[in-house]
Amino acid sequence: RTPSIDPCPITPWKSDIEQHDSRHGHTTISIERDYWSPSSLMNWKGCPRRAWLANHHKISEEEITEQDLDSRVYGTLLHDVHHDILKKSLGVEVGIEKQTSDPSMDFRPLSNGPFNKNELMMFGLTSLSKNATWISRTSAVAIQRLWMLTGMNHSEWISWLSDPRPIEPSGRIGSIIEAEFNNLNRSAPISTEWDTKWLTVEIPEEYSGEKGEHIKPFTVNGVIDRVDIIPFDIESKKWVDETGSHEIAPLRIYGTNWKPRRLIIIRDLKTYSGSKNLEERHKKGFFEDLQLPIYARCWEIAHPGDLVVGAGISVMGYQTKHFIEKSHYFPIDGKDGFGEKTIYSKNMFRFYDEDHQSKSDPFRAWMAHRLI
């Protein structure tokens, strides 16, 4: 017998073994959580017992103190610099979706904004100076991180601080700017750090694969790092289709009359210390992590008429690359400017009641599979 009950996002079927069933929630005691974050779901998916011990009993591996900047602090810093550049140049406020009365004028990529690369680098350095005052120190960690982020040594940094001015992009901040111009010149950001606001995700029984099986809905708490809107046409003039539906996109669109009003890309920003195999981080996010499919569906639920046609990991390392898994409903196939394309879902995912000749979108099948 066990004195504990594990809170699980999905209650397993009864095994008729009393000790096992009571541990997994088949009791008269209710311990359901109000909401789940994608990271909590990921911990539970990996090992329910470890998640229970670490999250609720605070029993975890001993932390080792390193003589370096904490990776989480470093990641947050790059996120903040990225967001500040978008805010200063395009008016994309953190946590607030960009609204416009004239999409053809206000929805635009960073490369089509009012500032050049050198001015954007100045915005990034200004953000760095405000968010990381320690970067001006003469310690080994500060000097090394300063060079990685800006390409400057200590004396060059102090000189720039005394006279802030536009300069050539360099370092990791410079790589963020270069990637926007070279890799995302047709994708317009409309939100950063968008809060899911405890949205409830419900999966219709038709996607379960078992007749009569009830898939328990779950409530999500989390933030989407970045949301982009893309145009319907090559000329980048049609950002909204007024003839599109005002209803939530169905998980399986093929065979319905549903039509999108806006086309959306979900991006999850990740810092990376290596210089090779950047795509491996995107592959891990696509096949193992839960953020991308959960956030994609949350956005569609909160924005009836929107269709997520791409999702991927943006890796911010020595180079910054924006990877994207594209849907069949991507409007301009074969064109660059939206990110590094991958096609993992094409030959690996389909709805359970379809065969290899199905015309349904594998990207939507991947989303349904991960949500279930």
Protein backbone atom coordinates (compact mmCIF):
# COMPACT_ATOMS: atom_id res chain seq x y z
CA ARG A 1 0.00 0.00 0.00
CA THR A 2 1.16 3.51 -0.69
CA PRO A 3 0.48 6.70 1.28
CA SER A 4 0.73 8.83 -1.89
CA ILE A 5 -1.42 9.40 -4.96
CA ASP A 6 0.19 10.64 -8.15
CA PRO A 7 -1.64 13.52 -9.88
CA CYS A 8 -1.64 12.52 -13.55
CA PRO A 9 -2.88 14.54 -16.54
CA ILE A 10 -4.40 11.33 -17.92
CA THR A 11 -5.80 8.76 -15.50
CA PRO A 12 -4.73 5.22 -16.54
CA TRP A 13 -7.35 2.50 -16.98
CA LYS A 14 -8.08 0.40 -13.92
CA SER A 15 -5.99 -2.72 -13.57
CA ASP A 16 -8.10 -4.19 -10.72
CA ILE A 17 -4.95 -4.24 -8.57
CA GLU A 18 -6.01 -2.18 -5.57
CA GLN A 19 -2.62 -0.71 -4.67
CA HIS A 20 -1.84 0.22 -8.28
CA ASP A 21 -5.27 1.73 -8.97
CA SER A 22 -5.35 3.79 -5.76
CA ARG A 23 -1.95 5.25 -6.50
CA HIS A 24 -3.07 6.37 -9.95
CA GLY A 25 -6.22 8.20 -8.93
CA HIS A 26 -8.94 5.55 -8.80
CA THR A 27 -10.03 6.51 -5.28
CA THR A 28 -12.70 8.61 -3.61
CA ILE A 29 -10.07 11.31 -2.98
CA SER A 30 -9.90 14.03 -5.63
CA ILE A 31 -6.50 15.58 -6.29
CA GLU A 32 -7.00 16.86 -9.83
CA ARG A 33 -4.86 19.80 -10.79
CA ASP A 34 -6.51 22.92 -12.18
CA TYR A 35 -4.04 23.25 -15.02
CA TRP A 36 -0.91 21.73 -16.54
CA SER A 37 2.03 23.49 -18.15
CA PRO A 38 3.73 21.84 -21.15
CA SER A 39 6.87 21.34 -19.03
CA SER A 40 4.85 19.56 -16.31
CA LEU A 41 3.25 17.35 -18.93
CA MET A 42 6.68 16.60 -20.35
CA ASN A 43 8.02 15.60 -16.91
CA TRP A 44 5.05 13.33 -16.33
CA LYS A 45 5.41 11.79 -19.78
CA GLY A 46 9.09 11.00 -19.14
CA CYS A 47 8.64 9.44 -15.69
CA PRO A 48 5.56 10.02 -13.48
CA ARG A 49 7.35 8.91 -10.31
CA ARG A 50 10.32 11.22 -10.85
CA ALA A 51 8.00 14.14 -11.67
CA TRP A 52 6.03 13.46 -8.47
CA LEU A 53 9.14 13.35 -6.30
CA ALA A 54 10.81 16.38 -7.90
CA ASN A 55 7.80 18.69 -8.26
CA HIS A 56 5.85 17.89 -5.10
CA HIS A 57 8.41 16.56 -2.64
CA LYS A 58 11.27 18.74 -3.96
CA ILE A 59 13.56 15.72 -4.11
CA SER A 60 15.98 16.13 -6.98
CA GLU A 61 19.59 15.63 -7.91
CA GLU A 62 22.10 17.76 -6.09
CA GLU A 63 22.83 20.94 -8.00
CA ILE A 64 26.44 21.52 -8.91
CA THR A 65 27.66 25.10 -8.71
CA GLU A 66 29.54 26.12 -11.83
CA GLN A 67 31.88 29.03 -12.33
CA ASP A 68 29.75 30.41 -15.12
CA LEU A 69 26.48 32.15 -15.87
CA ASP A 70 23.44 29.95 -15.26
CA SER A 71 22.10 28.67 -18.59
CA ARG A 72 18.57 29.76 -17.67
CA VAL A 73 19.73 33.31 -16.95
CA TYR A 74 21.63 33.35 -20.24
CA GLY A 75 18.60 32.07 -22.15
CA THR A 76 16.30 34.64 -20.55
CA LEU A 77 18.76 37.39 -21.44
CA LEU A 78 18.78 36.44 -25.14
CA HIS A 79 14.98 36.20 -25.09
CA ASP A 80 14.74 39.71 -23.64
CA VAL A 81 17.14 41.17 -26.20
CA HIS A 82 15.21 39.49 -29.04
CA HIS A 83 11.89 40.78 -27.74
CA ASP A 84 13.23 44.31 -27.19
CA ILE A 85 14.48 44.50 -30.78
CA LEU A 86 11.03 43.53 -32.08
CA LYS A 87 9.33 46.00 -29.74
CA LYS A 88 11.58 48.93 -30.64
CA SER A 89 11.50 48.31 -34.39
CA LEU A 90 8.01 46.91 -35.08
CA GLY A 91 5.99 47.83 -31.99
CA VAL A 92 5.46 44.19 -30.93
CA GLU A 93 4.80 44.47 -27.19
CA VAL A 94 5.69 41.57 -24.91
CA GLY A 95 2.56 39.61 -23.99
CA ILE A 96 0.28 41.71 -26.22
CA GLU A 97 -0.92 40.64 -29.65
CA LYS A 98 -0.31 43.27 -32.30
CA GLN A 99 -3.59 44.65 -33.66
CA THR A 100 -3.94 46.66 -36.84
CA SER A 101 -6.63 48.24 -38.97
CA ASP A 102 -4.46 47.93 -42.09
CA PRO A 103 -2.61 44.59 -42.22
CA SER A 104 -0.93 45.44 -45.54
CA MET A 105 0.86 48.34 -43.84
CA ASP A 106 1.47 47.15 -40.28
CA PHE A 107 2.19 43.42 -40.67
CA ARG A 108 5.74 43.26 -41.94
CA PRO A 109 9.00 41.39 -41.35
CA LEU A 110 11.84 42.99 -39.44
CA SER A 111 13.81 43.28 -42.69
CA ASN A 112 11.02 45.45 -44.11
CA GLY A 113 10.87 47.72 -41.07
CA PRO A 114 12.03 51.32 -40.73
CA PHE A 115 15.50 50.47 -39.34
CA ASN A 116 18.63 48.98 -40.88
CA LYS A 117 20.84 46.25 -39.40
CA ASN A 118 23.23 48.67 -37.68
CA GLU A 119 20.38 50.49 -35.95
CA LEU A 120 18.87 47.19 -34.83
CA MET A 121 22.24 46.19 -33.39
CA MET A 122 22.18 49.41 -31.38
CA PHE A 123 18.75 48.47 -30.02
CA GLY A 124 20.07 45.05 -29.06
CA LEU A 125 23.11 46.45 -27.28
CA THR A 126 20.95 48.98 -25.43
CA SER A 127 18.73 46.14 -24.24
CA LEU A 128 21.78 44.16 -23.15
CA SER A 129 23.17 47.09 -21.14
CA LYS A 130 19.84 47.43 -19.28
CA ASN A 131 19.16 43.74 -18.68
CA ALA A 132 22.73 42.69 -17.82
CA THR A 133 24.55 45.43 -15.95
CA TRP A 134 27.08 42.80 -14.83
CA ILE A 135 28.35 42.55 -18.42
CA SER A 136 30.54 45.63 -17.80
CA ARG A 137 32.58 43.89 -15.10
CA THR A 138 36.14 42.76 -15.67
CA SER A 139 35.64 39.20 -14.39
CA ALA A 140 36.49 36.31 -16.70
CA VAL A 141 32.83 35.26 -17.01
CA ALA A 142 31.66 38.79 -17.90
CA ILE A 143 34.41 39.33 -20.48
CA GLN A 144 33.80 35.96 -22.11
CA ARG A 145 30.01 36.44 -22.25
CA LEU A 146 30.43 40.00 -23.55
CA TRP A 147 32.54 38.72 -26.44
CA MET A 148 30.07 35.92 -27.22
CA LEU A 149 27.06 38.24 -27.20
CA THR A 150 28.51 41.30 -28.91
CA GLY A 151 31.86 40.44 -30.49
CA MET A 152 33.41 43.24 -28.42
CA ASN A 153 36.16 43.29 -25.85
CA HIS A 154 35.80 45.19 -22.57
CA SER A 155 37.35 48.46 -23.74
CA GLU A 156 35.23 48.50 -26.92
CA TRP A 157 32.10 47.92 -24.84
CA ILE A 158 32.91 50.73 -22.40
CA SER A 159 33.62 53.03 -25.35
CA TRP A 160 30.26 52.16 -26.93
CA LEU A 161 28.40 52.74 -23.67
CA SER A 162 29.85 56.25 -23.49
CA ASP A 163 28.62 56.95 -27.02
CA PRO A 164 25.77 54.57 -28.09
CA ARG A 165 25.57 54.46 -31.87
CA PRO A 166 24.62 52.10 -34.72
CA ILE A 167 27.32 49.52 -35.45
CA GLU A 168 27.77 46.43 -37.61
CA PRO A 169 26.00 43.34 -36.23
CA SER A 170 28.34 40.89 -34.50
CA GLY A 171 28.25 38.24 -31.81
CA ARG A 172 25.09 36.33 -30.94
CA ILE A 173 22.99 39.49 -30.88
CA GLY A 174 24.19 40.19 -34.39
CA SER A 175 23.28 36.66 -35.44
CA ILE A 176 19.69 37.24 -34.26
CA ILE A 177 19.45 40.27 -36.56
CA GLU A 178 21.13 38.55 -39.53
CA ALA A 179 18.73 35.60 -39.26
CA GLU A 180 15.73 37.94 -39.44
CA PHE A 181 17.00 39.49 -42.66
CA ASN A 182 18.24 36.30 -44.31
CA ASN A 183 15.85 33.65 -42.97
CA LEU A 184 12.59 35.39 -42.02
CA ASN A 185 12.13 38.14 -44.58
CA ARG A 186 8.53 37.10 -45.34
CA SER A 187 7.31 36.33 -41.81
CA ALA A 188 5.87 39.10 -39.63
CA PRO A 189 5.95 38.80 -35.79
CA ILE A 190 2.70 39.76 -34.07
CA SER A 191 3.29 38.60 -30.48
CA THR A 192 6.02 37.56 -28.04
CA GLU A 193 5.53 35.81 -24.69
CA TRP A 194 1.83 35.31 -25.42
CA ASP A 195 0.06 33.86 -22.35
CA THR A 196 -2.24 30.88 -22.89
CA LYS A 197 -4.40 32.19 -20.01
CA TRP A 198 -5.40 28.74 -18.73
CA LEU A 199 -7.05 27.66 -21.95
CA THR A 200 -8.71 24.24 -21.91
CA VAL A 201 -7.79 21.90 -24.75
CA GLU A 202 -10.43 19.33 -25.65
CA ILE A 203 -9.85 16.48 -28.10
CA PRO A 204 -12.93 15.02 -29.81
CA GLU A 205 -13.41 11.28 -29.30
CA GLU A 206 -13.13 10.67 -33.06
CA TYR A 207 -9.34 11.12 -32.84
CA SER A 208 -8.73 8.61 -30.06
CA GLY A 209 -8.72 5.44 -32.14
CA GLU A 210 -10.95 3.68 -29.61
CA LYS A 211 -14.71 3.68 -29.97
CA GLY A 212 -16.40 5.40 -27.08
CA GLU A 213 -13.11 6.32 -25.38
CA HIS A 214 -13.23 9.63 -23.57
CA ILE A 215 -10.11 11.78 -23.86
CA LYS A 216 -9.85 13.93 -20.78
CA PRO A 217 -9.51 17.68 -21.53
CA PHE A 218 -6.62 19.53 -19.90
CA THR A 219 -6.01 23.17 -19.03
CA VAL A 220 -2.75 24.76 -20.10
CA ASN A 221 -0.65 27.40 -18.37
CA GLY A 222 2.30 28.71 -20.37
CA VAL A 223 3.62 31.36 -22.76
CA ILE A 224 4.43 31.17 -26.47
CA ASP A 225 7.83 32.68 -27.18
CA ARG A 226 6.93 34.08 -30.59
CA VAL A 227 3.97 34.09 -32.97
CA ASP A 228 4.28 35.14 -36.63
CA ILE A 229 1.67 35.81 -39.28
CA ILE A 230 2.40 35.07 -42.95
CA PRO A 231 0.71 36.33 -46.14
CA PHE A 232 -1.51 34.37 -48.50
CA ASP A 233 0.24 35.74 -51.61
CA ILE A 234 3.76 36.06 -53.01
CA GLU A 235 3.52 39.86 -53.04
CA SER A 236 2.93 39.91 -49.24
CA LYS A 237 -0.12 42.12 -49.59
CA LYS A 238 -2.90 39.79 -48.43
CA TRP A 239 -2.44 39.05 -44.71
CA VAL A 240 -6.13 38.46 -43.88
CA ASP A 241 -8.77 36.62 -45.92
CA GLU A 242 -12.06 38.25 -44.99
CA THR A 243 -13.96 35.33 -46.56
CA GLY A 244 -12.41 32.92 -44.06
CA SER A 245 -14.20 31.18 -41.21
CA HIS A 246 -14.85 32.70 -37.79
CA GLU A 247 -14.91 29.27 -36.14
CA ILE A 248 -12.08 27.35 -34.46
CA ALA A 249 -10.06 25.29 -36.92
CA PRO A 250 -10.91 21.57 -36.74
CA LEU A 251 -7.98 19.24 -36.10
CA ARG A 252 -8.72 17.45 -39.37
CA ILE A 253 -9.57 20.05 -41.99
CA TYR A 254 -9.67 17.78 -45.04
CA GLY A 255 -13.26 16.96 -45.92
CA THR A 256 -14.69 20.09 -44.29
CA ASN A 257 -15.61 23.49 -45.68
CA TRP A 258 -13.54 25.32 -43.08
CA LYS A 259 -11.36 28.11 -44.51
CA PRO A 260 -8.69 30.12 -42.64
CA ARG A 261 -8.79 33.88 -42.18
CA ARG A 262 -5.16 34.17 -41.04
CA LEU A 263 -2.10 31.92 -41.34
CA ILE A 264 0.11 31.55 -38.27
CA ILE A 265 3.56 30.18 -37.36
CA ILE A 266 4.45 29.21 -33.78
CA ARG A 267 8.12 29.57 -32.80
CA ASP A 268 9.76 28.33 -29.59
CA LEU A 269 13.07 30.09 -28.86
CA LYS A 270 15.93 27.97 -27.51
CA THR A 271 19.50 28.95 -26.67
CA TYR A 272 22.20 26.56 -27.79
CA SER A 273 25.85 26.44 -26.76
CA GLY A 274 27.10 24.29 -29.63
CA SER A 275 27.97 25.36 -33.15
CA LYS A 276 26.88 22.25 -35.09
CA ASN A 277 23.75 20.14 -35.57
CA LEU A 278 21.37 23.01 -34.84
CA GLU A 279 18.60 21.05 -36.53
CA GLU A 280 18.88 18.36 -33.86
CA ARG A 281 17.38 20.79 -31.33
CA HIS A 282 14.46 21.42 -33.66
CA LYS A 283 14.02 17.67 -34.20
CA LYS A 284 13.92 17.11 -30.45
CA GLY A 285 11.33 19.86 -30.07
CA PHE A 286 9.21 18.30 -32.80
CA PHE A 287 9.34 14.65 -31.71
CA GLU A 288 9.86 14.78 -27.94
CA ASP A 289 8.77 18.10 -26.45
CA LEU A 290 5.10 19.04 -26.09
CA GLN A 291 5.28 22.83 -26.33
CA LEU A 292 4.83 23.19 -30.09
CA PRO A 293 1.61 21.14 -30.58
CA ILE A 294 0.03 22.39 -27.33
CA TYR A 295 0.81 26.03 -28.04
CA ALA A 296 -0.32 25.71 -31.65
CA ARG A 297 -3.71 24.36 -30.59
CA CYS A 298 -4.06 26.94 -27.80
CA TRP A 299 -3.55 29.76 -30.30
CA GLU A 300 -6.17 28.30 -32.65
CA ILE A 301 -8.68 27.92 -29.82
CA ALA A 302 -8.13 31.51 -28.66
CA HIS A 303 -8.28 32.87 -32.23
CA PRO A 304 -11.19 31.39 -34.22
CA GLY A 305 -10.36 31.62 -37.90
CA ASP A 306 -6.59 31.32 -37.40
CA LEU A 307 -4.77 28.29 -38.78
CA VAL A 308 -1.29 27.28 -37.61
CA VAL A 309 0.53 26.28 -40.80
CA GLY A 310 4.01 25.96 -39.32
CA ALA A 311 5.77 25.35 -36.03
CA GLY A 312 9.40 25.00 -35.08
CA ILE A 313 12.34 25.73 -32.86
CA SER A 314 14.36 28.93 -33.28
CA VAL A 315 17.88 28.05 -32.16
CA MET A 316 19.89 31.01 -30.87
CA GLY A 317 23.53 29.98 -30.74
CA TYR A 318 26.72 31.07 -32.48
CA GLN A 319 24.37 31.15 -35.42
CA THR A 320 20.65 31.81 -35.12
CA LYS A 321 18.42 29.61 -37.26
CA HIS A 322 14.64 29.47 -37.37
CA PHE A 323 13.45 25.97 -38.25
CA ILE A 324 9.88 25.29 -39.34
CA GLU A 325 7.81 22.20 -40.01
CA LYS A 326 5.33 23.21 -42.69
CA SER A 327 1.69 22.21 -43.07
CA HIS A 328 0.09 21.19 -46.37
CA TYR A 329 -1.90 24.41 -46.04
CA PHE A 330 1.23 26.56 -46.27
CA PRO A 331 0.26 29.03 -49.02
CA ILE A 332 3.58 29.61 -50.80
CA ASP A 333 5.31 26.26 -51.05
CA GLY A 334 8.92 26.26 -52.16
CA LYS A 335 9.54 29.91 -51.26
CA ASP A 336 12.13 30.96 -48.71
CA GLY A 337 11.79 33.63 -46.06
CA PHE A 338 9.82 31.71 -43.41
CA GLY A 339 12.58 29.59 -41.85
CA GLU A 340 14.59 26.44 -42.52
CA LYS A 341 12.03 23.94 -43.79
CA THR A 342 11.73 20.40 -42.43
CA ILE A 343 9.35 17.61 -43.54
CA TYR A 344 9.40 15.18 -40.62
CA SER A 345 5.62 14.75 -40.50
CA LYS A 346 5.15 13.96 -44.20
CA ASN A 347 5.87 10.23 -44.07
CA MET A 348 5.47 9.63 -40.33
CA PHE A 349 2.04 10.89 -39.23
CA ARG A 350 -1.53 10.36 -40.32
CA PHE A 351 -4.86 10.07 -38.55
CA TYR A 352 -5.51 6.61 -37.11
CA ASP A 353 -8.37 5.80 -39.52
CA GLU A 354 -6.45 6.76 -42.68
CA ASP A 355 -3.97 4.90 -44.86
CA HIS A 356 -0.90 6.07 -46.76
CA GLN A 357 -3.05 7.35 -49.63
CA SER A 358 -4.89 9.82 -47.42
CA LYS A 359 -5.01 13.46 -48.51
CA SER A 360 -5.22 14.76 -44.95
CA ASP A 361 -2.47 17.04 -43.70
CA PRO A 362 0.32 15.11 -41.88
CA PHE A 363 1.10 18.26 -39.88
CA ARG A 364 -2.45 18.24 -38.45
CA ALA A 365 -2.14 14.51 -37.79
CA TRP A 366 1.10 15.17 -35.87
CA MET A 367 -0.64 17.83 -33.79
CA ALA A 368 -3.54 15.49 -32.94
CA HIS A 369 -1.15 12.64 -32.13
CA ARG A 370 0.89 14.73 -29.71
CA LEU A 371 -2.18 16.19 -28.02
CA ILE A 372 -3.69 12.75 -27.43
